[in-house]
Amino acid sequence: PDAMARLLADLCTPQEVRILAERWHVARLLDGTDLSYREIAEKTGVSPTTVTRVARFLRQEPHRGYRMVLD
């Protein structure tokens, strides 16, 4: 975790790190709760489009990055 935090601080602006954290929060809620996309958007403050995009990458895209880290 420390190495990742340092890498992200070097690679990203504070705003970009915040956006990544929001998407990670959305992924955890999608995976670990029965909340609707709308409820997740309201709870996190991200747009419904972002929730949908994270859900697509979590469940359909071949990269499986979210899934690998969640597991």
Protein backbone atom coordinates (compact mmCIF):
# COMPACT_ATOMS: atom_id res chain seq x y z
CA PRO A 1 0.00 0.00 0.00
CA ASP A 2 2.79 2.46 0.78
CA ALA A 3 4.53 1.84 -2.52
CA MET A 4 1.26 2.26 -4.43
CA ALA A 5 0.49 5.52 -2.61
CA ARG A 6 3.93 6.87 -3.49
CA LEU A 7 3.59 5.82 -7.13
CA LEU A 8 0.17 7.42 -7.44
CA ALA A 9 1.45 10.62 -5.84
CA ASP A 10 4.17 10.76 -8.50
CA LEU A 11 1.91 9.84 -11.42
CA CYS A 12 -1.31 11.66 -10.65
CA THR A 13 -2.57 15.04 -9.59
CA PRO A 14 -4.48 15.15 -6.29
CA GLN A 15 -7.71 15.41 -8.33
CA GLU A 16 -6.84 12.29 -10.31
CA VAL A 17 -6.08 10.37 -7.10
CA ARG A 18 -9.48 11.46 -5.74
CA ILE A 19 -11.21 10.22 -8.90
CA LEU A 20 -9.42 6.87 -8.66
CA ALA A 21 -10.46 6.56 -5.01
CA GLU A 22 -14.08 7.31 -5.94
CA ARG A 23 -14.06 4.63 -8.63
CA TRP A 24 -12.54 2.13 -6.21
CA HIS A 25 -15.26 2.95 -3.67
CA VAL A 26 -17.91 2.39 -6.38
CA ALA A 27 -16.36 -0.97 -7.31
CA ARG A 28 -16.43 -2.11 -3.68
CA LEU A 29 -20.07 -1.07 -3.32
CA LEU A 30 -21.04 -2.80 -6.57
CA ASP A 31 -19.31 -5.98 -5.46
CA GLY A 32 -20.26 -6.01 -1.80
CA THR A 33 -23.77 -4.58 -1.58
CA ASP A 34 -27.18 -4.84 -3.19
CA LEU A 35 -27.42 -1.08 -3.75
CA SER A 36 -28.78 0.09 -7.09
CA TYR A 37 -26.62 2.12 -9.45
CA ARG A 38 -28.66 5.20 -8.51
CA GLU A 39 -28.16 4.57 -4.78
CA ILE A 40 -24.42 4.15 -5.29
CA ALA A 41 -24.26 7.39 -7.29
CA GLU A 42 -26.12 9.24 -4.54
CA LYS A 43 -24.02 7.69 -1.76
CA THR A 44 -20.67 8.42 -3.42
CA GLY A 45 -21.43 11.63 -5.28
CA VAL A 46 -20.23 10.23 -8.62
CA SER A 47 -22.35 10.35 -11.75
CA PRO A 48 -24.56 7.41 -12.73
CA THR A 49 -22.39 7.19 -15.86
CA THR A 50 -19.33 6.55 -13.69
CA VAL A 51 -21.17 3.83 -11.75
CA THR A 52 -22.19 2.18 -15.02
CA ARG A 53 -18.65 2.39 -16.40
CA VAL A 54 -17.14 0.84 -13.26
CA ALA A 55 -19.79 -1.90 -13.33
CA ARG A 56 -18.97 -2.68 -16.95
CA PHE A 57 -15.26 -2.99 -16.22
CA LEU A 58 -15.98 -5.03 -13.09
CA ARG A 59 -18.30 -7.50 -14.79
CA GLN A 60 -17.70 -7.53 -18.55
CA GLU A 61 -14.36 -6.21 -19.72
CA PRO A 62 -11.52 -8.71 -20.18
CA HIS A 63 -8.90 -6.84 -18.14
CA ARG A 64 -10.32 -8.08 -14.82
CA GLY A 65 -8.29 -5.58 -12.78
CA TYR A 66 -11.11 -4.68 -10.39
CA ARG A 67 -12.01 -8.33 -9.95
CA MET A 68 -8.41 -9.36 -9.27
CA VAL A 69 -7.94 -6.77 -6.53
CA LEU A 70 -11.39 -7.30 -5.00
CA ASP A 71 -10.74 -11.02 -4.72
